[in-house]
Amino acid sequence: MYALQAVNDQIEALGATVVALTPQIPQKNQEMIDKNELSFDLLHDAGNTYADKLGLRFTVPSAVQDIYNQFGIDLPGGNGDNSGTLPMPGRFVIDQGGIVRAVDVHPDYTRRPEPEKTIEDLKAL
């Protein structure tokens, strides 16, 4: 989210709007907005249902969840459910007509799409 915030002015200058969708409960989203001084909206995807419809939801392996717990990361508490799922990181460029013009998704949840690629995709519209 921080990387998107860093280029948000460029994105807005291209006439686009950033909207992020997360499985985190609204309270956690607001904490992220405040902590990172985000100027775009974070929407709540309860239970990763939308991510699931797009085929982007995956179950975090229990060994990884154990590591999260050791670092104080409360996945169930943050997401408001016990599904143990996360969405694959991705970005979608959608035009004003609602047509998806670019997709950047990676199955490795530790790899995030580069914001510069999103800007390139916007310039190509």
N, C-alpha and C. Protein backbone atom coordinates (compact mmCIF):
# COMPACT_ATOMS: atom_id res chain seq x y z
N MET A 1 0.82 -1.19 0.00
CA MET A 1 0.00 0.00 0.00
C MET A 1 0.87 1.26 0.00
N TYR A 2 1.97 1.16 0.74
CA TYR A 2 2.87 2.31 0.81
C TYR A 2 3.43 2.64 -0.56
N ALA A 3 3.76 1.60 -1.34
CA ALA A 3 4.31 1.83 -2.68
C ALA A 3 3.29 2.50 -3.58
N LEU A 4 2.03 2.13 -3.45
CA LEU A 4 0.99 2.79 -4.24
C LEU A 4 0.82 4.24 -3.81
N GLN A 5 0.90 4.47 -2.51
CA GLN A 5 0.77 5.84 -2.03
C GLN A 5 1.88 6.72 -2.61
N ALA A 6 3.07 6.15 -2.74
CA ALA A 6 4.21 6.92 -3.24
C ALA A 6 3.99 7.41 -4.67
N VAL A 7 3.18 6.70 -5.45
CA VAL A 7 2.93 7.10 -6.84
C VAL A 7 1.49 7.55 -7.06
N ASN A 8 0.74 7.70 -6.00
CA ASN A 8 -0.68 8.05 -6.15
C ASN A 8 -0.88 9.39 -6.86
N ASP A 9 -0.03 10.37 -6.61
CA ASP A 9 -0.16 11.65 -7.31
C ASP A 9 0.00 11.47 -8.82
N GLN A 10 0.93 10.62 -9.23
CA GLN A 10 1.13 10.35 -10.65
C GLN A 10 -0.10 9.66 -11.24
N ILE A 11 -0.64 8.72 -10.48
CA ILE A 11 -1.83 8.00 -10.94
C ILE A 11 -3.00 8.96 -11.10
N GLU A 12 -3.21 9.82 -10.11
CA GLU A 12 -4.30 10.79 -10.19
C GLU A 12 -4.09 11.78 -11.33
N ALA A 13 -2.84 12.15 -11.60
CA ALA A 13 -2.54 13.07 -12.71
C ALA A 13 -2.92 12.46 -14.06
N LEU A 14 -2.96 11.14 -14.11
CA LEU A 14 -3.38 10.44 -15.33
C LEU A 14 -4.89 10.25 -15.38
N GLY A 15 -5.59 10.81 -14.40
CA GLY A 15 -7.05 10.74 -14.38
C GLY A 15 -7.59 9.46 -13.77
N ALA A 16 -6.76 8.74 -13.06
CA ALA A 16 -7.18 7.46 -12.47
C ALA A 16 -7.34 7.60 -10.96
N THR A 17 -8.00 6.62 -10.38
CA THR A 17 -8.23 6.57 -8.94
C THR A 17 -7.79 5.22 -8.42
N VAL A 18 -7.04 5.23 -7.33
CA VAL A 18 -6.64 3.99 -6.67
C VAL A 18 -7.71 3.61 -5.66
N VAL A 19 -8.14 2.36 -5.72
CA VAL A 19 -9.01 1.77 -4.72
C VAL A 19 -8.42 0.41 -4.40
N ALA A 20 -8.17 0.14 -3.13
CA ALA A 20 -7.58 -1.14 -2.74
C ALA A 20 -8.64 -1.99 -2.05
N LEU A 21 -8.58 -3.28 -2.29
CA LEU A 21 -9.50 -4.24 -1.71
C LEU A 21 -8.69 -5.18 -0.83
N THR A 22 -9.05 -5.29 0.45
CA THR A 22 -8.32 -6.14 1.38
C THR A 22 -9.29 -7.00 2.18
N PRO A 23 -8.82 -8.14 2.68
CA PRO A 23 -9.68 -8.95 3.54
C PRO A 23 -9.74 -8.43 4.97
N GLN A 24 -8.92 -7.43 5.28
CA GLN A 24 -8.89 -6.93 6.65
C GLN A 24 -10.21 -6.26 7.02
N ILE A 25 -10.56 -6.40 8.29
CA ILE A 25 -11.78 -5.76 8.78
C ILE A 25 -11.61 -4.24 8.67
N PRO A 26 -12.72 -3.50 8.56
CA PRO A 26 -12.63 -2.05 8.39
C PRO A 26 -11.76 -1.34 9.42
N GLN A 27 -11.78 -1.78 10.66
CA GLN A 27 -10.95 -1.15 11.69
C GLN A 27 -9.46 -1.28 11.34
N LYS A 28 -9.05 -2.46 10.87
CA LYS A 28 -7.65 -2.67 10.49
C LYS A 28 -7.30 -1.86 9.24
N ASN A 29 -8.26 -1.76 8.32
CA ASN A 29 -8.02 -0.92 7.14
C ASN A 29 -7.79 0.53 7.55
N GLN A 30 -8.60 1.02 8.47
CA GLN A 30 -8.45 2.40 8.92
C GLN A 30 -7.10 2.60 9.61
N GLU A 31 -6.68 1.61 10.40
CA GLU A 31 -5.36 1.69 11.03
C GLU A 31 -4.26 1.77 9.98
N MET A 32 -4.40 1.00 8.89
CA MET A 32 -3.41 1.03 7.82
C MET A 32 -3.42 2.39 7.12
N ILE A 33 -4.61 2.94 6.89
CA ILE A 33 -4.72 4.26 6.27
C ILE A 33 -4.01 5.30 7.13
N ASP A 34 -4.29 5.27 8.42
CA ASP A 34 -3.70 6.25 9.34
C ASP A 34 -2.18 6.08 9.45
N LYS A 35 -1.74 4.84 9.63
CA LYS A 35 -0.31 4.57 9.82
C LYS A 35 0.52 4.96 8.61
N ASN A 36 -0.01 4.67 7.42
CA ASN A 36 0.74 4.91 6.18
C ASN A 36 0.32 6.19 5.47
N GLU A 37 -0.57 6.96 6.11
CA GLU A 37 -1.06 8.21 5.54
C GLU A 37 -1.54 8.01 4.10
N LEU A 38 -2.38 7.01 3.92
CA LEU A 38 -2.90 6.70 2.59
C LEU A 38 -3.98 7.70 2.20
N SER A 39 -3.96 8.10 0.94
CA SER A 39 -4.97 9.04 0.46
C SER A 39 -5.96 8.37 -0.48
N PHE A 40 -6.01 7.05 -0.45
CA PHE A 40 -6.98 6.31 -1.25
C PHE A 40 -7.75 5.36 -0.35
N ASP A 41 -8.88 4.90 -0.86
CA ASP A 41 -9.77 4.05 -0.07
C ASP A 41 -9.29 2.61 -0.01
N LEU A 42 -9.50 1.99 1.15
CA LEU A 42 -9.31 0.55 1.33
C LEU A 42 -10.68 -0.04 1.59
N LEU A 43 -11.11 -0.91 0.73
CA LEU A 43 -12.41 -1.56 0.87
C LEU A 43 -12.24 -2.94 1.46
N HIS A 44 -13.25 -3.38 2.21
CA HIS A 44 -13.21 -4.66 2.91
C HIS A 44 -13.84 -5.76 2.06
N ASP A 45 -13.06 -6.78 1.75
CA ASP A 45 -13.55 -7.98 1.05
C ASP A 45 -13.74 -9.07 2.10
N ALA A 46 -14.91 -9.06 2.72
CA ALA A 46 -15.21 -9.99 3.81
C ALA A 46 -15.01 -11.43 3.36
N GLY A 47 -14.16 -12.14 4.10
CA GLY A 47 -13.92 -13.55 3.80
C GLY A 47 -13.21 -13.80 2.48
N ASN A 48 -12.65 -12.74 1.90
CA ASN A 48 -12.00 -12.87 0.59
C ASN A 48 -12.96 -13.40 -0.47
N THR A 49 -14.24 -13.08 -0.34
CA THR A 49 -15.22 -13.63 -1.28
C THR A 49 -15.02 -13.13 -2.71
N TYR A 50 -14.70 -11.84 -2.86
CA TYR A 50 -14.47 -11.33 -4.21
C TYR A 50 -13.18 -11.91 -4.79
N ALA A 51 -12.14 -11.97 -3.95
CA ALA A 51 -10.88 -12.58 -4.40
C ALA A 51 -11.13 -14.02 -4.84
N ASP A 52 -12.00 -14.73 -4.10
CA ASP A 52 -12.32 -16.11 -4.45
C ASP A 52 -13.02 -16.17 -5.81
N LYS A 53 -13.95 -15.24 -6.06
CA LYS A 53 -14.66 -15.23 -7.35
C LYS A 53 -13.70 -15.00 -8.51
N LEU A 54 -12.62 -14.27 -8.24
CA LEU A 54 -11.62 -14.02 -9.28
C LEU A 54 -10.56 -15.13 -9.35
N GLY A 55 -10.67 -16.12 -8.45
CA GLY A 55 -9.69 -17.20 -8.42
C GLY A 55 -8.37 -16.79 -7.78
N LEU A 56 -8.41 -15.77 -6.92
CA LEU A 56 -7.19 -15.23 -6.34
C LEU A 56 -7.04 -15.49 -4.85
N ARG A 57 -7.93 -16.25 -4.26
CA ARG A 57 -7.84 -16.55 -2.83
C ARG A 57 -7.07 -17.84 -2.63
N PHE A 58 -6.20 -17.85 -1.62
CA PHE A 58 -5.47 -19.07 -1.29
C PHE A 58 -5.41 -19.23 0.22
N THR A 59 -5.23 -20.46 0.65
CA THR A 59 -5.11 -20.75 2.07
C THR A 59 -3.64 -20.66 2.47
N VAL A 60 -3.38 -19.88 3.50
CA VAL A 60 -2.02 -19.75 4.02
C VAL A 60 -1.66 -21.06 4.72
N PRO A 61 -0.55 -21.70 4.36
CA PRO A 61 -0.17 -22.95 5.01
C PRO A 61 -0.07 -22.78 6.53
N SER A 62 -0.46 -23.82 7.26
CA SER A 62 -0.47 -23.73 8.72
C SER A 62 0.92 -23.40 9.28
N ALA A 63 1.98 -23.89 8.65
CA ALA A 63 3.34 -23.57 9.12
C ALA A 63 3.61 -22.07 9.00
N VAL A 64 3.11 -21.47 7.94
CA VAL A 64 3.29 -20.02 7.76
C VAL A 64 2.42 -19.26 8.76
N GLN A 65 1.21 -19.76 9.00
CA GLN A 65 0.35 -19.13 10.01
C GLN A 65 1.02 -19.18 11.38
N ASP A 66 1.70 -20.28 11.68
CA ASP A 66 2.43 -20.39 12.95
C ASP A 66 3.52 -19.32 13.05
N ILE A 67 4.22 -19.10 11.95
CA ILE A 67 5.26 -18.07 11.92
C ILE A 67 4.63 -16.69 12.11
N TYR A 68 3.51 -16.45 11.43
CA TYR A 68 2.79 -15.19 11.62
C TYR A 68 2.48 -14.98 13.09
N ASN A 69 1.97 -16.02 13.73
CA ASN A 69 1.62 -15.92 15.15
C ASN A 69 2.83 -15.56 16.00
N GLN A 70 3.98 -16.15 15.68
CA GLN A 70 5.21 -15.86 16.44
C GLN A 70 5.62 -14.39 16.31
N PHE A 71 5.26 -13.77 15.19
CA PHE A 71 5.57 -12.36 14.98
C PHE A 71 4.43 -11.44 15.40
N GLY A 72 3.42 -12.02 16.02
CA GLY A 72 2.29 -11.22 16.49
C GLY A 72 1.31 -10.83 15.41
N ILE A 73 1.36 -11.50 14.27
CA ILE A 73 0.42 -11.22 13.19
C ILE A 73 -0.80 -12.11 13.38
N ASP A 74 -1.91 -11.49 13.70
CA ASP A 74 -3.15 -12.20 13.98
C ASP A 74 -4.03 -12.22 12.74
N LEU A 75 -3.80 -13.18 11.85
CA LEU A 75 -4.55 -13.27 10.60
C LEU A 75 -6.05 -13.38 10.84
N PRO A 76 -6.52 -14.29 11.70
CA PRO A 76 -7.97 -14.37 11.94
C PRO A 76 -8.53 -13.07 12.53
N GLY A 77 -7.82 -12.47 13.47
CA GLY A 77 -8.30 -11.24 14.08
C GLY A 77 -8.32 -10.08 13.10
N GLY A 78 -7.29 -10.00 12.27
CA GLY A 78 -7.21 -8.92 11.29
C GLY A 78 -8.23 -9.03 10.19
N ASN A 79 -8.54 -10.28 9.83
CA ASN A 79 -9.48 -10.50 8.74
C ASN A 79 -10.90 -10.77 9.22
N GLY A 80 -11.06 -10.97 10.52
CA GLY A 80 -12.40 -11.17 11.05
C GLY A 80 -13.00 -12.53 10.75
N ASP A 81 -12.17 -13.50 10.40
CA ASP A 81 -12.67 -14.86 10.18
C ASP A 81 -11.55 -15.86 10.45
N ASN A 82 -11.89 -17.12 10.44
CA ASN A 82 -10.91 -18.17 10.70
C ASN A 82 -10.55 -18.95 9.44
N SER A 83 -10.75 -18.33 8.28
CA SER A 83 -10.52 -19.05 7.02
C SER A 83 -9.04 -19.30 6.76
N GLY A 84 -8.16 -18.47 7.32
CA GLY A 84 -6.73 -18.63 7.05
C GLY A 84 -6.38 -18.36 5.60
N THR A 85 -7.17 -17.50 4.95
CA THR A 85 -6.93 -17.22 3.54
C THR A 85 -6.46 -15.79 3.33
N LEU A 86 -5.78 -15.60 2.23
CA LEU A 86 -5.35 -14.28 1.77
C LEU A 86 -5.58 -14.20 0.26
N PRO A 87 -5.65 -12.99 -0.27
CA PRO A 87 -5.72 -12.86 -1.72
C PRO A 87 -4.31 -12.81 -2.31
N MET A 88 -4.17 -13.29 -3.53
CA MET A 88 -2.91 -13.09 -4.24
C MET A 88 -2.80 -11.59 -4.50
N PRO A 89 -1.60 -11.03 -4.37
CA PRO A 89 -1.46 -9.61 -4.65
C PRO A 89 -1.68 -9.34 -6.14
N GLY A 90 -2.44 -8.34 -6.42
CA GLY A 90 -2.71 -8.02 -7.81
C GLY A 90 -3.17 -6.60 -8.00
N ARG A 91 -3.05 -6.14 -9.23
CA ARG A 91 -3.55 -4.82 -9.61
C ARG A 91 -4.31 -4.97 -10.91
N PHE A 92 -5.40 -4.23 -10.98
CA PHE A 92 -6.24 -4.23 -12.16
C PHE A 92 -6.41 -2.79 -12.63
N VAL A 93 -6.21 -2.55 -13.90
CA VAL A 93 -6.50 -1.25 -14.48
C VAL A 93 -7.82 -1.42 -15.21
N ILE A 94 -8.81 -0.67 -14.76
CA ILE A 94 -10.17 -0.78 -15.29
C ILE A 94 -10.54 0.58 -15.87
N ASP A 95 -11.00 0.59 -17.12
CA ASP A 95 -11.33 1.87 -17.73
C ASP A 95 -12.69 2.37 -17.25
N GLN A 96 -13.07 3.56 -17.69
CA GLN A 96 -14.31 4.17 -17.22
C GLN A 96 -15.55 3.41 -17.66
N GLY A 97 -15.40 2.55 -18.64
CA GLY A 97 -16.52 1.72 -19.08
C GLY A 97 -16.62 0.41 -18.32
N GLY A 98 -15.72 0.21 -17.35
CA GLY A 98 -15.74 -1.01 -16.56
C GLY A 98 -15.00 -2.17 -17.19
N ILE A 99 -14.25 -1.91 -18.24
CA ILE A 99 -13.50 -2.97 -18.92
C ILE A 99 -12.10 -3.06 -18.33
N VAL A 100 -11.71 -4.28 -17.96
CA VAL A 100 -10.37 -4.51 -17.43
C VAL A 100 -9.38 -4.41 -18.58
N ARG A 101 -8.45 -3.47 -18.46
CA ARG A 101 -7.48 -3.23 -19.53
C ARG A 101 -6.10 -3.80 -19.23
N ALA A 102 -5.82 -4.05 -17.95
CA ALA A 102 -4.52 -4.62 -17.58
C ALA A 102 -4.66 -5.35 -16.25
N VAL A 103 -3.95 -6.46 -16.14
CA VAL A 103 -3.95 -7.26 -14.92
C VAL A 103 -2.51 -7.61 -14.58
N ASP A 104 -2.18 -7.46 -13.31
CA ASP A 104 -0.85 -7.83 -12.83
C ASP A 104 -1.05 -8.58 -11.51
N VAL A 105 -0.99 -9.91 -11.57
CA VAL A 105 -1.23 -10.77 -10.40
C VAL A 105 -0.07 -11.74 -10.28
N HIS A 106 0.31 -12.02 -9.05
CA HIS A 106 1.38 -13.00 -8.83
C HIS A 106 0.92 -14.01 -7.79
N PRO A 107 1.08 -15.31 -8.07
CA PRO A 107 0.64 -16.32 -7.11
C PRO A 107 1.47 -16.36 -5.83
N ASP A 108 2.67 -15.79 -5.85
CA ASP A 108 3.49 -15.72 -4.64
C ASP A 108 3.07 -14.47 -3.87
N TYR A 109 2.40 -14.67 -2.75
CA TYR A 109 1.84 -13.54 -2.00
C TYR A 109 2.89 -12.59 -1.44
N THR A 110 4.16 -12.97 -1.51
CA THR A 110 5.21 -12.07 -1.02
C THR A 110 5.71 -11.13 -2.12
N ARG A 111 5.27 -11.36 -3.35
CA ARG A 111 5.69 -10.51 -4.47
C ARG A 111 4.54 -9.61 -4.87
N ARG A 112 4.77 -8.32 -4.81
CA ARG A 112 3.75 -7.33 -5.13
C ARG A 112 4.00 -6.75 -6.53
N PRO A 113 2.93 -6.43 -7.23
CA PRO A 113 3.11 -5.76 -8.52
C PRO A 113 3.82 -4.42 -8.33
N GLU A 114 4.64 -4.07 -9.28
CA GLU A 114 5.38 -2.81 -9.21
C GLU A 114 4.46 -1.65 -9.61
N PRO A 115 4.42 -0.60 -8.81
CA PRO A 115 3.57 0.55 -9.13
C PRO A 115 3.91 1.18 -10.48
N GLU A 116 5.18 1.15 -10.86
CA GLU A 116 5.58 1.73 -12.14
C GLU A 116 4.89 1.03 -13.30
N LYS A 117 4.67 -0.28 -13.16
CA LYS A 117 3.96 -1.04 -14.21
C LYS A 117 2.52 -0.55 -14.31
N THR A 118 1.91 -0.25 -13.18
CA THR A 118 0.54 0.27 -13.18
C THR A 118 0.49 1.61 -13.91
N ILE A 119 1.47 2.45 -13.68
CA ILE A 119 1.52 3.75 -14.36
C ILE A 119 1.69 3.55 -15.86
N GLU A 120 2.56 2.62 -16.27
CA GLU A 120 2.73 2.32 -17.69
C GLU A 120 1.40 1.86 -18.30
N ASP A 121 0.69 0.99 -17.58
CA ASP A 121 -0.60 0.49 -18.07
C ASP A 121 -1.60 1.63 -18.23
N LEU A 122 -1.61 2.56 -17.28
CA LEU A 122 -2.52 3.70 -17.37
C LEU A 122 -2.17 4.59 -18.56
N LYS A 123 -0.90 4.81 -18.79
CA LYS A 123 -0.48 5.65 -19.91
C LYS A 123 -0.85 5.03 -21.24
N ALA A 124 -0.95 3.71 -21.28
CA ALA A 124 -1.28 3.00 -22.52
C ALA A 124 -2.77 3.10 -22.88
N LEU A 125 -3.59 3.58 -21.95
CA LEU A 125 -5.03 3.69 -22.24
C LEU A 125 -5.31 4.77 -23.28
